[in-house]
Amino acid sequence: MKELLRSNDPTVIAFATALLNGEGIDCFELDVNTSILEGSIRILPRRLIVREADLTAAQRAMRDNDIDLG
C-alpha cells in the first residue's frame, strides 16, 4: 500500500475516494479516528492509501480532477 493523498480537509478525502471508486481503484482512509478526536481544528491530516499497482492510475485520476497531491 502506498500513500496517495494527505489532507486536513475531509471533503477532499471524500471526493478523492468517490473518484477512485468510480475508476475501480480500491482505497483506504487512515487516521480517521485520530482526526475526529482532535476536533474541528484540523491539525491532524487524514491519509488515503491505494495498492502499489494502482498508484499510477490513482495519481492520474487525481491530477485529471485538479486534486493537489502535495
PDB file of N, CA and C in Angstrom:
ATOM      1  N   MET A   1       0.848  -1.167   0.000  1.00  0.00           N
ATOM      2  CA  MET A   1       0.000   0.000   0.000  1.00  0.00           C
ATOM      3  C   MET A   1       0.899   1.237   0.000  1.00  0.00           C
ATOM      4  N   LYS A   2       0.462   2.237  -0.757  1.00  0.00           N
ATOM      5  CA  LYS A   2       1.213   3.487  -0.874  1.00  0.00           C
ATOM      6  C   LYS A   2       0.290   4.659  -0.568  1.00  0.00           C
ATOM      7  N   GLU A   3       0.842   5.665   0.075  1.00  0.00           N
ATOM      8  CA  GLU A   3       0.071   6.864   0.362  1.00  0.00           C
ATOM      9  C   GLU A   3      -0.135   7.654  -0.927  1.00  0.00           C
ATOM     10  N   LEU A   4      -1.371   8.002  -1.186  1.00  0.00           N
ATOM     11  CA  LEU A   4      -1.716   8.784  -2.364  1.00  0.00           C
ATOM     12  C   LEU A   4      -1.943  10.238  -1.995  1.00  0.00           C
ATOM     13  N   LEU A   5      -2.622  10.466  -0.886  1.00  0.00           N
ATOM     14  CA  LEU A   5      -3.087  11.808  -0.559  1.00  0.00           C
ATOM     15  C   LEU A   5      -3.099  11.994   0.939  1.00  0.00           C
ATOM     16  N   ARG A   6      -2.746  13.201   1.366  1.00  0.00           N
ATOM     17  CA  ARG A   6      -2.800  13.580   2.786  1.00  0.00           C
ATOM     18  C   ARG A   6      -3.472  14.946   2.833  1.00  0.00           C
ATOM     19  N   SER A   7      -4.544  15.043   3.619  1.00  0.00           N
ATOM     20  CA  SER A   7      -5.278  16.298   3.667  1.00  0.00           C
ATOM     21  C   SER A   7      -5.973  16.494   5.013  1.00  0.00           C
ATOM     22  N   ASN A   8      -6.073  17.746   5.414  1.00  0.00           N
ATOM     23  CA  ASN A   8      -6.837  18.111   6.609  1.00  0.00           C
ATOM     24  C   ASN A   8      -8.304  18.337   6.277  1.00  0.00           C
ATOM     25  N   ASP A   9      -8.627  18.380   5.004  1.00  0.00           N
ATOM     26  CA  ASP A   9      -9.985  18.672   4.551  1.00  0.00           C
ATOM     27  C   ASP A   9     -10.735  17.364   4.263  1.00  0.00           C
ATOM     28  N   PRO A  10     -11.722  17.024   5.086  1.00  0.00           N
ATOM     29  CA  PRO A  10     -12.440  15.758   4.868  1.00  0.00           C
ATOM     30  C   PRO A  10     -13.215  15.727   3.550  1.00  0.00           C
ATOM     31  N   THR A  11     -13.569  16.892   3.022  1.00  0.00           N
ATOM     32  CA  THR A  11     -14.291  16.900   1.741  1.00  0.00           C
ATOM     33  C   THR A  11     -13.379  16.489   0.594  1.00  0.00           C
ATOM     34  N   VAL A  12     -12.105  16.837   0.672  1.00  0.00           N
ATOM     35  CA  VAL A  12     -11.141  16.427  -0.361  1.00  0.00           C
ATOM     36  C   VAL A  12     -10.968  14.910  -0.324  1.00  0.00           C
ATOM     37  N   ILE A  13     -10.853  14.365   0.871  1.00  0.00           N
ATOM     38  CA  ILE A  13     -10.713  12.909   1.013  1.00  0.00           C
ATOM     39  C   ILE A  13     -11.950  12.199   0.476  1.00  0.00           C
ATOM     40  N   ALA A  14     -13.129  12.713   0.807  1.00  0.00           N
ATOM     41  CA  ALA A  14     -14.377  12.093   0.336  1.00  0.00           C
ATOM     42  C   ALA A  14     -14.479  12.160  -1.192  1.00  0.00           C
ATOM     43  N   PHE A  15     -14.118  13.304  -1.773  1.00  0.00           N
ATOM     44  CA  PHE A  15     -14.164  13.460  -3.227  1.00  0.00           C
ATOM     45  C   PHE A  15     -13.173  12.514  -3.897  1.00  0.00           C
ATOM     46  N   ALA A  16     -11.953  12.454  -3.359  1.00  0.00           N
ATOM     47  CA  ALA A  16     -10.935  11.568  -3.925  1.00  0.00           C
ATOM     48  C   ALA A  16     -11.365  10.105  -3.836  1.00  0.00           C
ATOM     49  N   THR A  17     -11.957   9.731  -2.715  1.00  0.00           N
ATOM     50  CA  THR A  17     -12.441   8.356  -2.547  1.00  0.00           C
ATOM     51  C   THR A  17     -13.513   8.025  -3.585  1.00  0.00           C
ATOM     52  N   ALA A  18     -14.439   8.942  -3.793  1.00  0.00           N
ATOM     53  CA  ALA A  18     -15.501   8.732  -4.788  1.00  0.00           C
ATOM     54  C   ALA A  18     -14.912   8.605  -6.193  1.00  0.00           C
ATOM     55  N   LEU A  19     -13.933   9.433  -6.512  1.00  0.00           N
ATOM     56  CA  LEU A  19     -13.288   9.348  -7.828  1.00  0.00           C
ATOM     57  C   LEU A  19     -12.593   8.004  -8.023  1.00  0.00           C
ATOM     58  N   LEU A  20     -11.864   7.586  -7.004  1.00  0.00           N
ATOM     59  CA  LEU A  20     -11.146   6.311  -7.107  1.00  0.00           C
ATOM     60  C   LEU A  20     -12.108   5.142  -7.221  1.00  0.00           C
ATOM     61  N   ASN A  21     -13.166   5.162  -6.448  1.00  0.00           N
ATOM     62  CA  ASN A  21     -14.170   4.098  -6.544  1.00  0.00           C
ATOM     63  C   ASN A  21     -14.790   4.061  -7.936  1.00  0.00           C
ATOM     64  N   GLY A  22     -15.021   5.231  -8.520  1.00  0.00           N
ATOM     65  CA  GLY A  22     -15.564   5.315  -9.869  1.00  0.00           C
ATOM     66  C   GLY A  22     -14.615   4.749 -10.918  1.00  0.00           C
ATOM     67  N   GLU A  23     -13.317   4.818 -10.632  1.00  0.00           N
ATOM     68  CA  GLU A  23     -12.299   4.277 -11.535  1.00  0.00           C
ATOM     69  C   GLU A  23     -12.020   2.796 -11.256  1.00  0.00           C
ATOM     70  N   GLY A  24     -12.671   2.249 -10.242  1.00  0.00           N
ATOM     71  CA  GLY A  24     -12.443   0.848  -9.898  1.00  0.00           C
ATOM     72  C   GLY A  24     -11.166   0.627  -9.107  1.00  0.00           C
ATOM     73  N   ILE A  25     -10.681   1.670  -8.439  1.00  0.00           N
ATOM     74  CA  ILE A  25      -9.451   1.585  -7.651  1.00  0.00           C
ATOM     75  C   ILE A  25      -9.839   1.532  -6.175  1.00  0.00           C
ATOM     76  N   ASP A  26      -9.421   0.470  -5.500  1.00  0.00           N
ATOM     77  CA  ASP A  26      -9.692   0.343  -4.072  1.00  0.00           C
ATOM     78  C   ASP A  26      -8.781   1.280  -3.296  1.00  0.00           C
ATOM     79  N   CYS A  27      -9.330   1.911  -2.269  1.00  0.00           N
ATOM     80  CA  CYS A  27      -8.540   2.794  -1.421  1.00  0.00           C
ATOM     81  C   CYS A  27      -8.986   2.632   0.026  1.00  0.00           C
ATOM     82  N   PHE A  28      -8.148   3.116   0.924  1.00  0.00           N
ATOM     83  CA  PHE A  28      -8.443   3.010   2.350  1.00  0.00           C
ATOM     84  C   PHE A  28      -7.999   4.302   3.020  1.00  0.00           C
ATOM     85  N   GLU A  29      -8.830   4.807   3.918  1.00  0.00           N
ATOM     86  CA  GLU A  29      -8.533   6.053   4.622  1.00  0.00           C
ATOM     87  C   GLU A  29      -7.922   5.737   5.988  1.00  0.00           C
ATOM     88  N   LEU A  30      -6.772   6.347   6.243  1.00  0.00           N
ATOM     89  CA  LEU A  30      -6.084   6.180   7.514  1.00  0.00           C
ATOM     90  C   LEU A  30      -6.253   7.423   8.385  1.00  0.00           C
ATOM     91  N   ASP A  31      -6.080   7.259   9.674  1.00  0.00           N
ATOM     92  CA  ASP A  31      -6.083   8.346  10.657  1.00  0.00           C
ATOM     93  C   ASP A  31      -7.443   9.007  10.852  1.00  0.00           C
ATOM     94  N   VAL A  32      -8.517   8.326  10.508  1.00  0.00           N
ATOM     95  CA  VAL A  32      -9.854   8.902  10.658  1.00  0.00           C
ATOM     96  C   VAL A  32     -10.173   9.142  12.121  1.00  0.00           C
ATOM     97  N   ASN A  33      -9.991   8.132  12.951  1.00  0.00           N
ATOM     98  CA  ASN A  33     -10.341   8.264  14.368  1.00  0.00           C
ATOM     99  C   ASN A  33      -9.498   9.318  15.066  1.00  0.00           C
ATOM    100  N   THR A  34      -8.218   9.354  14.764  1.00  0.00           N
ATOM    101  CA  THR A  34      -7.342  10.348  15.368  1.00  0.00           C
ATOM    102  C   THR A  34      -7.759  11.750  14.951  1.00  0.00           C
ATOM    103  N   SER A  35      -8.085  11.911  13.696  1.00  0.00           N
ATOM    104  CA  SER A  35      -8.518  13.205  13.183  1.00  0.00           C
ATOM    105  C   SER A  35      -9.818  13.656  13.852  1.00  0.00           C
ATOM    106  N   ILE A  36     -10.729  12.730  14.055  1.00  0.00           N
ATOM    107  CA  ILE A  36     -12.002  13.055  14.699  1.00  0.00           C
ATOM    108  C   ILE A  36     -11.787  13.442  16.161  1.00  0.00           C
ATOM    109  N   LEU A  37     -10.890  12.745  16.845  1.00  0.00           N
ATOM    110  CA  LEU A  37     -10.633  13.015  18.257  1.00  0.00           C
ATOM    111  C   LEU A  37     -10.076  14.418  18.497  1.00  0.00           C
ATOM    112  N   GLU A  38      -9.290  14.929  17.559  1.00  0.00           N
ATOM    113  CA  GLU A  38      -8.708  16.253  17.764  1.00  0.00           C
ATOM    114  C   GLU A  38      -9.709  17.375  17.526  1.00  0.00           C
ATOM    115  N   GLY A  39     -10.880  17.041  17.065  1.00  0.00           N
ATOM    116  CA  GLY A  39     -11.938  18.038  16.917  1.00  0.00           C
ATOM    117  C   GLY A  39     -11.907  18.762  15.598  1.00  0.00           C
ATOM    118  N   SER A  40     -12.419  19.961  15.604  1.00  0.00           N
ATOM    119  CA  SER A  40     -12.594  20.712  14.358  1.00  0.00           C
ATOM    120  C   SER A  40     -11.420  21.626  14.031  1.00  0.00           C
ATOM    121  N   ILE A  41     -10.326  21.551  14.772  1.00  0.00           N
ATOM    122  CA  ILE A  41      -9.199  22.446  14.490  1.00  0.00           C
ATOM    123  C   ILE A  41      -8.322  21.941  13.349  1.00  0.00           C
ATOM    124  N   ARG A  42      -8.540  20.724  12.924  1.00  0.00           N
ATOM    125  CA  ARG A  42      -7.901  20.135  11.733  1.00  0.00           C
ATOM    126  C   ARG A  42      -6.379  20.187  11.756  1.00  0.00           C
ATOM    127  N   ILE A  43      -5.797  19.768  12.874  1.00  0.00           N
ATOM    128  CA  ILE A  43      -4.339  19.710  12.963  1.00  0.00           C
ATOM    129  C   ILE A  43      -3.812  18.437  12.317  1.00  0.00           C
ATOM    130  N   LEU A  44      -4.492  17.327  12.571  1.00  0.00           N
ATOM    131  CA  LEU A  44      -4.016  16.032  12.094  1.00  0.00           C
ATOM    132  C   LEU A  44      -4.663  15.678  10.754  1.00  0.00           C
ATOM    133  N   PRO A  45      -3.846  15.478   9.738  1.00  0.00           N
ATOM    134  CA  PRO A  45      -4.405  15.135   8.428  1.00  0.00           C
ATOM    135  C   PRO A  45      -4.856  13.684   8.349  1.00  0.00           C
ATOM    136  N   ARG A  46      -5.761  13.435   7.431  1.00  0.00           N
ATOM    137  CA  ARG A  46      -6.154  12.071   7.086  1.00  0.00           C
ATOM    138  C   ARG A  46      -5.348  11.668   5.865  1.00  0.00           C
ATOM    139  N   ARG A  47      -5.106  10.365   5.740  1.00  0.00           N
ATOM    140  CA  ARG A  47      -4.341   9.865   4.601  1.00  0.00           C
ATOM    141  C   ARG A  47      -5.170   8.864   3.821  1.00  0.00           C
ATOM    142  N   LEU A  48      -4.976   8.871   2.517  1.00  0.00           N
ATOM    143  CA  LEU A  48      -5.656   7.937   1.626  1.00  0.00           C
ATOM    144  C   LEU A  48      -4.580   7.075   0.978  1.00  0.00           C
ATOM    145  N   ILE A  49      -4.730   5.754   1.099  1.00  0.00           N
ATOM    146  CA  ILE A  49      -3.744   4.848   0.521  1.00  0.00           C
ATOM    147  C   ILE A  49      -4.401   3.961  -0.534  1.00  0.00           C
ATOM    148  N   VAL A  50      -3.566   3.522  -1.474  1.00  0.00           N
ATOM    149  CA  VAL A  50      -4.008   2.619  -2.546  1.00  0.00           C
ATOM    150  C   VAL A  50      -2.959   1.519  -2.706  1.00  0.00           C
ATOM    151  N   ARG A  51      -3.336   0.468  -3.417  1.00  0.00           N
ATOM    152  CA  ARG A  51      -2.366  -0.587  -3.730  1.00  0.00           C
ATOM    153  C   ARG A  51      -1.259  -0.008  -4.604  1.00  0.00           C
ATOM    154  N   GLU A  52      -0.068  -0.515  -4.414  1.00  0.00           N
ATOM    155  CA  GLU A  52       1.074  -0.032  -5.191  1.00  0.00           C
ATOM    156  C   GLU A  52       0.831  -0.179  -6.697  1.00  0.00           C
ATOM    157  N   ALA A  53       0.170  -1.260  -7.097  1.00  0.00           N
ATOM    158  CA  ALA A  53      -0.114  -1.495  -8.514  1.00  0.00           C
ATOM    159  C   ALA A  53      -1.088  -0.462  -9.086  1.00  0.00           C
ATOM    160  N   ASP A  54      -1.907   0.150  -8.236  1.00  0.00           N
ATOM    161  CA  ASP A  54      -2.896   1.135  -8.681  1.00  0.00           C
ATOM    162  C   ASP A  54      -2.421   2.581  -8.528  1.00  0.00           C
ATOM    163  N   LEU A  55      -1.214   2.782  -7.999  1.00  0.00           N
ATOM    164  CA  LEU A  55      -0.759   4.124  -7.664  1.00  0.00           C
ATOM    165  C   LEU A  55      -0.717   5.062  -8.872  1.00  0.00           C
ATOM    166  N   THR A  56      -0.170   4.626  -9.981  1.00  0.00           N
ATOM    167  CA  THR A  56      -0.056   5.490 -11.159  1.00  0.00           C
ATOM    168  C   THR A  56      -1.437   5.894 -11.673  1.00  0.00           C
ATOM    169  N   ALA A  57      -2.349   4.951 -11.767  1.00  0.00           N
ATOM    170  CA  ALA A  57      -3.710   5.264 -12.230  1.00  0.00           C
ATOM    171  C   ALA A  57      -4.413   6.192 -11.250  1.00  0.00           C
ATOM    172  N   ALA A  58      -4.193   5.989  -9.961  1.00  0.00           N
ATOM    173  CA  ALA A  58      -4.816   6.835  -8.939  1.00  0.00           C
ATOM    174  C   ALA A  58      -4.268   8.259  -9.017  1.00  0.00           C
ATOM    175  N   GLN A  59      -2.958   8.393  -9.200  1.00  0.00           N
ATOM    176  CA  GLN A  59      -2.362   9.726  -9.334  1.00  0.00           C
ATOM    177  C   GLN A  59      -2.896  10.441 -10.568  1.00  0.00           C
ATOM    178  N   ARG A  60      -3.063   9.717 -11.652  1.00  0.00           N
ATOM    179  CA  ARG A  60      -3.606  10.302 -12.872  1.00  0.00           C
ATOM    180  C   ARG A  60      -5.033  10.792 -12.642  1.00  0.00           C
ATOM    181  N   ALA A  61      -5.838  10.012 -11.956  1.00  0.00           N
ATOM    182  CA  ALA A  61      -7.222  10.405 -11.661  1.00  0.00           C
ATOM    183  C   ALA A  61      -7.254  11.665 -10.807  1.00  0.00           C
ATOM    184  N   MET A  62      -6.330  11.782  -9.855  1.00  0.00           N
ATOM    185  CA  MET A  62      -6.276  12.979  -9.007  1.00  0.00           C
ATOM    186  C   MET A  62      -5.867  14.202  -9.822  1.00  0.00           C
ATOM    187  N   ARG A  63      -4.838  14.059 -10.658  1.00  0.00           N
ATOM    188  CA  ARG A  63      -4.391  15.175 -11.500  1.00  0.00           C
ATOM    189  C   ARG A  63      -5.483  15.610 -12.465  1.00  0.00           C
ATOM    190  N   ASP A  64      -6.187  14.653 -13.066  1.00  0.00           N
ATOM    191  CA  ASP A  64      -7.248  14.972 -14.019  1.00  0.00           C
ATOM    192  C   ASP A  64      -8.394  15.739 -13.379  1.00  0.00           C
ATOM    193  N   ASN A  65      -8.540  15.630 -12.074  1.00  0.00           N
ATOM    194  CA  ASN A  65      -9.626  16.315 -11.356  1.00  0.00           C
ATOM    195  C   ASN A  65      -9.103  17.425 -10.441  1.00  0.00           C
ATOM    196  N   ASP A  66      -7.879  17.883 -10.720  1.00  0.00           N
ATOM    197  CA  ASP A  66      -7.273  19.025 -10.012  1.00  0.00           C
ATOM    198  C   ASP A  66      -7.176  18.850  -8.504  1.00  0.00           C
ATOM    199  N   ILE A  67      -6.896  17.643  -8.049  1.00  0.00           N
ATOM    200  CA  ILE A  67      -6.665  17.403  -6.630  1.00  0.00           C
ATOM    201  C   ILE A  67      -5.161  17.411  -6.405  1.00  0.00           C
ATOM    202  N   ASP A  68      -4.711  18.329  -5.562  1.00  0.00           N
ATOM    203  CA  ASP A  68      -3.280  18.504  -5.286  1.00  0.00           C
ATOM    204  C   ASP A  68      -2.772  17.345  -4.433  1.00  0.00           C
ATOM    205  N   LEU A  69      -1.744  16.678  -4.917  1.00  0.00           N
ATOM    206  CA  LEU A  69      -1.179  15.554  -4.186  1.00  0.00           C
ATOM    207  C   LEU A  69      -0.003  15.988  -3.316  1.00  0.00           C
ATOM    208  N   GLY A  70       0.307  17.273  -3.346  1.00  0.00           N
ATOM    209  CA  GLY A  70       1.371  17.806  -2.468  1.00  0.00           C
ATOM    210  C   GLY A  70       2.667  17.480  -2.978  1.00  0.00           C
TER     211      GLY A  70
END
